[in-house]
């Protein structure tokens, strides 16, 4: 059953829609969100030791 739309839920959806791409550019996920610079550094390290993030 779908919950009814409230003003707060509608506002949250609109916020998510507007900021989704920005969040993807600035954060990445390894079981938790981390800054993109840390994500890139971790990926470089894993590539050096021949491991890759599981999708």
PDB file of N, CA and C in Angstrom:
ATOM      1  N   UNK A   1       0.819  -1.182   0.000  1.00  0.00           N
ATOM      2  CA  UNK A   1       0.000   0.000   0.000  1.00  0.00           C
ATOM      3  C   UNK A   1       0.872   1.258   0.000  1.00  0.00           C
ATOM      4  N   UNK A   2       0.573   2.182  -0.893  1.00  0.00           N
ATOM      5  CA  UNK A   2       1.342   3.415  -0.994  1.00  0.00           C
ATOM      6  C   UNK A   2       0.835   4.439   0.017  1.00  0.00           C
ATOM      7  N   UNK A   3       1.776   5.060   0.715  1.00  0.00           N
ATOM      8  CA  UNK A   3       1.399   6.101   1.663  1.00  0.00           C
ATOM      9  C   UNK A   3       0.902   7.328   0.901  1.00  0.00           C
ATOM     10  N   UNK A   4       0.007   8.061   1.520  1.00  0.00           N
ATOM     11  CA  UNK A   4      -0.534   9.246   0.849  1.00  0.00           C
ATOM     12  C   UNK A   4       0.511  10.357   0.801  1.00  0.00           C
ATOM     13  N   UNK A   5       0.409  11.182  -0.223  1.00  0.00           N
ATOM     14  CA  UNK A   5       1.340  12.289  -0.377  1.00  0.00           C
ATOM     15  C   UNK A   5       1.026  13.382   0.639  1.00  0.00           C
ATOM     16  N   UNK A   6       2.055  13.802   1.335  1.00  0.00           N
ATOM     17  CA  UNK A   6       1.932  14.927   2.249  1.00  0.00           C
ATOM     18  C   UNK A   6       2.810  16.045   1.695  1.00  0.00           C
ATOM     19  N   UNK A   7       2.620  17.265   2.122  1.00  0.00           N
ATOM     20  CA  UNK A   7       3.467  18.358   1.630  1.00  0.00           C
ATOM     21  C   UNK A   7       4.958  18.084   1.859  1.00  0.00           C
ATOM     22  N   UNK A   8       5.281  17.476   2.996  1.00  0.00           N
ATOM     23  CA  UNK A   8       6.688  17.178   3.290  1.00  0.00           C
ATOM     24  C   UNK A   8       7.242  16.125   2.322  1.00  0.00           C
ATOM     25  N   UNK A   9       6.476  15.093   2.021  1.00  0.00           N
ATOM     26  CA  UNK A   9       6.926  14.063   1.081  1.00  0.00           C
ATOM     27  C   UNK A   9       7.100  14.637  -0.323  1.00  0.00           C
ATOM     28  N   UNK A  10       6.177  15.478  -0.734  1.00  0.00           N
ATOM     29  CA  UNK A  10       6.268  16.104  -2.056  1.00  0.00           C
ATOM     30  C   UNK A  10       7.507  16.992  -2.131  1.00  0.00           C
ATOM     31  N   UNK A  11       7.756  17.771  -1.081  1.00  0.00           N
ATOM     32  CA  UNK A  11       8.934  18.643  -1.044  1.00  0.00           C
ATOM     33  C   UNK A  11      10.213  17.817  -1.086  1.00  0.00           C
ATOM     34  N   UNK A  12      10.255  16.715  -0.358  1.00  0.00           N
ATOM     35  CA  UNK A  12      11.441  15.849  -0.333  1.00  0.00           C
ATOM     36  C   UNK A  12      11.706  15.253  -1.720  1.00  0.00           C
ATOM     37  N   UNK A  13      10.652  14.805  -2.404  1.00  0.00           N
ATOM     38  CA  UNK A  13      10.811  14.245  -3.752  1.00  0.00           C
ATOM     39  C   UNK A  13      11.340  15.303  -4.720  1.00  0.00           C
ATOM     40  N   UNK A  14      10.786  16.506  -4.635  1.00  0.00           N
ATOM     41  CA  UNK A  14      11.256  17.593  -5.501  1.00  0.00           C
ATOM     42  C   UNK A  14      12.718  17.912  -5.237  1.00  0.00           C
ATOM     43  N   UNK A  15      13.108  17.949  -3.970  1.00  0.00           N
ATOM     44  CA  UNK A  15      14.505  18.209  -3.596  1.00  0.00           C
ATOM     45  C   UNK A  15      15.409  17.122  -4.173  1.00  0.00           C
ATOM     46  N   UNK A  16      15.015  15.866  -4.007  1.00  0.00           N
ATOM     47  CA  UNK A  16      15.810  14.750  -4.519  1.00  0.00           C
ATOM     48  C   UNK A  16      15.949  14.834  -6.036  1.00  0.00           C
ATOM     49  N   UNK A  17      14.885  15.169  -6.718  1.00  0.00           N
ATOM     50  CA  UNK A  17      14.914  15.262  -8.178  1.00  0.00           C
ATOM     51  C   UNK A  17      15.878  16.361  -8.624  1.00  0.00           C
ATOM     52  N   UNK A  18      15.859  17.504  -7.931  1.00  0.00           N
ATOM     53  CA  UNK A  18      16.714  18.629  -8.302  1.00  0.00           C
ATOM     54  C   UNK A  18      18.183  18.368  -8.003  1.00  0.00           C
ATOM     55  N   UNK A  19      18.490  17.635  -6.937  1.00  0.00           N
ATOM     56  CA  UNK A  19      19.867  17.512  -6.466  1.00  0.00           C
ATOM     57  C   UNK A  19      20.512  16.161  -6.712  1.00  0.00           C
ATOM     58  N   UNK A  20      19.837  15.271  -7.397  1.00  0.00           N
ATOM     59  CA  UNK A  20      20.359  13.916  -7.608  1.00  0.00           C
ATOM     60  C   UNK A  20      21.703  13.921  -8.336  1.00  0.00           C
ATOM     61  N   UNK A  21      21.793  14.649  -9.434  1.00  0.00           N
ATOM     62  CA  UNK A  21      23.035  14.674 -10.214  1.00  0.00           C
ATOM     63  C   UNK A  21      24.174  15.319  -9.436  1.00  0.00           C
ATOM     64  N   UNK A  22      23.880  16.366  -8.700  1.00  0.00           N
ATOM     65  CA  UNK A  22      24.906  17.022  -7.889  1.00  0.00           C
ATOM     66  C   UNK A  22      25.468  16.061  -6.847  1.00  0.00           C
ATOM     67  N   UNK A  23      24.604  15.310  -6.187  1.00  0.00           N
ATOM     68  CA  UNK A  23      25.058  14.333  -5.193  1.00  0.00           C
ATOM     69  C   UNK A  23      25.905  13.246  -5.834  1.00  0.00           C
ATOM     70  N   UNK A  24      25.527  12.803  -7.038  1.00  0.00           N
ATOM     71  CA  UNK A  24      26.309  11.776  -7.725  1.00  0.00           C
ATOM     72  C   UNK A  24      27.708  12.275  -8.065  1.00  0.00           C
ATOM     73  N   UNK A  25      27.818  13.558  -8.416  1.00  0.00           N
ATOM     74  CA  UNK A  25      29.122  14.126  -8.755  1.00  0.00           C
ATOM     75  C   UNK A  25      30.007  14.302  -7.535  1.00  0.00           C
ATOM     76  N   UNK A  26      29.416  14.624  -6.394  1.00  0.00           N
ATOM     77  CA  UNK A  26      30.222  14.952  -5.218  1.00  0.00           C
ATOM     78  C   UNK A  26      30.403  13.797  -4.244  1.00  0.00           C
ATOM     79  N   UNK A  27      29.593  12.750  -4.349  1.00  0.00           N
ATOM     80  CA  UNK A  27      29.685  11.620  -3.426  1.00  0.00           C
ATOM     81  C   UNK A  27      29.678  10.314  -4.194  1.00  0.00           C
ATOM     82  N   UNK A  28      30.182   9.291  -3.527  1.00  0.00           N
ATOM     83  CA  UNK A  28      30.138   7.947  -4.087  1.00  0.00           C
ATOM     84  C   UNK A  28      29.829   6.993  -2.951  1.00  0.00           C
ATOM     85  N   UNK A  29      29.574   5.753  -3.297  1.00  0.00           N
ATOM     86  CA  UNK A  29      29.117   4.846  -2.266  1.00  0.00           C
ATOM     87  C   UNK A  29      29.950   3.573  -2.220  1.00  0.00           C
ATOM     88  N   UNK A  30      30.524   3.310  -1.055  1.00  0.00           N
ATOM     89  CA  UNK A  30      31.148   2.044  -0.695  1.00  0.00           C
ATOM     90  C   UNK A  30      30.452   1.618   0.588  1.00  0.00           C
ATOM     91  N   UNK A  31      29.246   1.167   0.490  1.00  0.00           N
ATOM     92  CA  UNK A  31      28.396   0.805   1.628  1.00  0.00           C
ATOM     93  C   UNK A  31      28.037   2.005   2.495  1.00  0.00           C
ATOM     94  N   UNK A  32      28.611   3.146   2.209  1.00  0.00           N
ATOM     95  CA  UNK A  32      28.271   4.406   2.847  1.00  0.00           C
ATOM     96  C   UNK A  32      28.721   5.523   1.909  1.00  0.00           C
ATOM     97  N   UNK A  33      28.099   6.664   1.968  1.00  0.00           N
ATOM     98  CA  UNK A  33      28.499   7.758   1.093  1.00  0.00           C
ATOM     99  C   UNK A  33      29.790   8.380   1.597  1.00  0.00           C
ATOM    100  N   UNK A  34      30.724   8.598   0.662  1.00  0.00           N
ATOM    101  CA  UNK A  34      31.993   9.238   0.972  1.00  0.00           C
ATOM    102  C   UNK A  34      32.243  10.314  -0.078  1.00  0.00           C
ATOM    103  N   UNK A  35      33.105  11.289   0.236  1.00  0.00           N
ATOM    104  CA  UNK A  35      33.425  12.326  -0.752  1.00  0.00           C
ATOM    105  C   UNK A  35      34.056  11.719  -2.007  1.00  0.00           C
ATOM    106  N   UNK A  36      33.808  12.327  -3.148  1.00  0.00           N
ATOM    107  CA  UNK A  36      34.291  11.810  -4.433  1.00  0.00           C
ATOM    108  C   UNK A  36      35.811  11.675  -4.446  1.00  0.00           C
ATOM    109  N   UNK A  37      36.540  12.616  -3.846  1.00  0.00           N
ATOM    110  CA  UNK A  37      38.004  12.535  -3.855  1.00  0.00           C
ATOM    111  C   UNK A  37      38.484  11.279  -3.133  1.00  0.00           C
ATOM    112  N   UNK A  38      37.857  10.954  -2.004  1.00  0.00           N
ATOM    113  CA  UNK A  38      38.220   9.732  -1.284  1.00  0.00           C
ATOM    114  C   UNK A  38      37.864   8.500  -2.111  1.00  0.00           C
ATOM    115  N   UNK A  39      36.725   8.530  -2.762  1.00  0.00           N
ATOM    116  CA  UNK A  39      36.285   7.421  -3.607  1.00  0.00           C
ATOM    117  C   UNK A  39      37.296   7.166  -4.724  1.00  0.00           C
ATOM    118  N   UNK A  40      37.731   8.237  -5.390  1.00  0.00           N
ATOM    119  CA  UNK A  40      38.703   8.092  -6.473  1.00  0.00           C
ATOM    120  C   UNK A  40      40.028   7.548  -5.955  1.00  0.00           C
ATOM    121  N   UNK A  41      40.441   8.025  -4.787  1.00  0.00           N
ATOM    122  CA  UNK A  41      41.688   7.546  -4.183  1.00  0.00           C
ATOM    123  C   UNK A  41      41.596   6.058  -3.836  1.00  0.00           C
ATOM    124  N   UNK A  42      40.479   5.636  -3.304  1.00  0.00           N
ATOM    125  CA  UNK A  42      40.270   4.222  -2.963  1.00  0.00           C
ATOM    126  C   UNK A  42      40.270   3.376  -4.232  1.00  0.00           C
ATOM    127  N   UNK A  43      39.588   3.844  -5.268  1.00  0.00           N
ATOM    128  CA  UNK A  43      39.558   3.098  -6.524  1.00  0.00           C
ATOM    129  C   UNK A  43      40.953   2.945  -7.120  1.00  0.00           C
ATOM    130  N   UNK A  44      41.754   4.005  -7.090  1.00  0.00           N
ATOM    131  CA  UNK A  44      43.130   3.923  -7.595  1.00  0.00           C
ATOM    132  C   UNK A  44      43.923   2.877  -6.812  1.00  0.00           C
ATOM    133  N   UNK A  45      43.793   2.903  -5.510  1.00  0.00           N
ATOM    134  CA  UNK A  45      44.491   1.925  -4.674  1.00  0.00           C
ATOM    135  C   UNK A  45      44.050   0.504  -5.011  1.00  0.00           C
ATOM    136  N   UNK A  46      42.743   0.298  -5.149  1.00  0.00           N
ATOM    137  CA  UNK A  46      42.240  -1.040  -5.453  1.00  0.00           C
ATOM    138  C   UNK A  46      42.693  -1.514  -6.838  1.00  0.00           C
ATOM    139  N   UNK A  47      42.779  -0.598  -7.788  1.00  0.00           N
ATOM    140  CA  UNK A  47      43.263  -0.972  -9.115  1.00  0.00           C
ATOM    141  C   UNK A  47      44.722  -1.407  -9.062  1.00  0.00           C
ATOM    142  N   UNK A  48      45.501  -0.753  -8.207  1.00  0.00           N
ATOM    143  CA  UNK A  48      46.913  -1.113  -8.070  1.00  0.00           C
ATOM    144  C   UNK A  48      47.069  -2.525  -7.521  1.00  0.00           C
ATOM    145  N   UNK A  49      46.171  -2.923  -6.641  1.00  0.00           N
ATOM    146  CA  UNK A  49      46.283  -4.272  -6.074  1.00  0.00           C
ATOM    147  C   UNK A  49      45.315  -5.235  -6.749  1.00  0.00           C
ATOM    148  N   UNK A  50      44.842  -4.831  -7.934  1.00  0.00           N
ATOM    149  CA  UNK A  50      44.007  -5.661  -8.819  1.00  0.00           C
ATOM    150  C   UNK A  50      42.706  -6.097  -8.156  1.00  0.00           C
ATOM    151  N   UNK A  51      42.051  -5.218  -7.494  1.00  0.00           N
ATOM    152  CA  UNK A  51      40.713  -5.437  -6.968  1.00  0.00           C
ATOM    153  C   UNK A  51      39.820  -4.334  -7.522  1.00  0.00           C
ATOM    154  N   UNK A  52      38.565  -4.628  -7.657  1.00  0.00           N
ATOM    155  CA  UNK A  52      37.640  -3.593  -8.111  1.00  0.00           C
ATOM    156  C   UNK A  52      36.396  -3.628  -7.243  1.00  0.00           C
ATOM    157  N   UNK A  53      35.746  -2.499  -7.180  1.00  0.00           N
ATOM    158  CA  UNK A  53      34.495  -2.389  -6.420  1.00  0.00           C
ATOM    159  C   UNK A  53      33.451  -3.277  -7.065  1.00  0.00           C
ATOM    160  N   UNK A  54      32.699  -3.992  -6.249  1.00  0.00           N
ATOM    161  CA  UNK A  54      31.612  -4.814  -6.764  1.00  0.00           C
ATOM    162  C   UNK A  54      30.430  -3.923  -7.081  1.00  0.00           C
ATOM    163  N   UNK A  55      29.793  -4.165  -8.203  1.00  0.00           N
ATOM    164  CA  UNK A  55      28.624  -3.355  -8.582  1.00  0.00           C
ATOM    165  C   UNK A  55      27.376  -3.955  -8.039  1.00  0.00           C
TER     166      UNK A  55
END
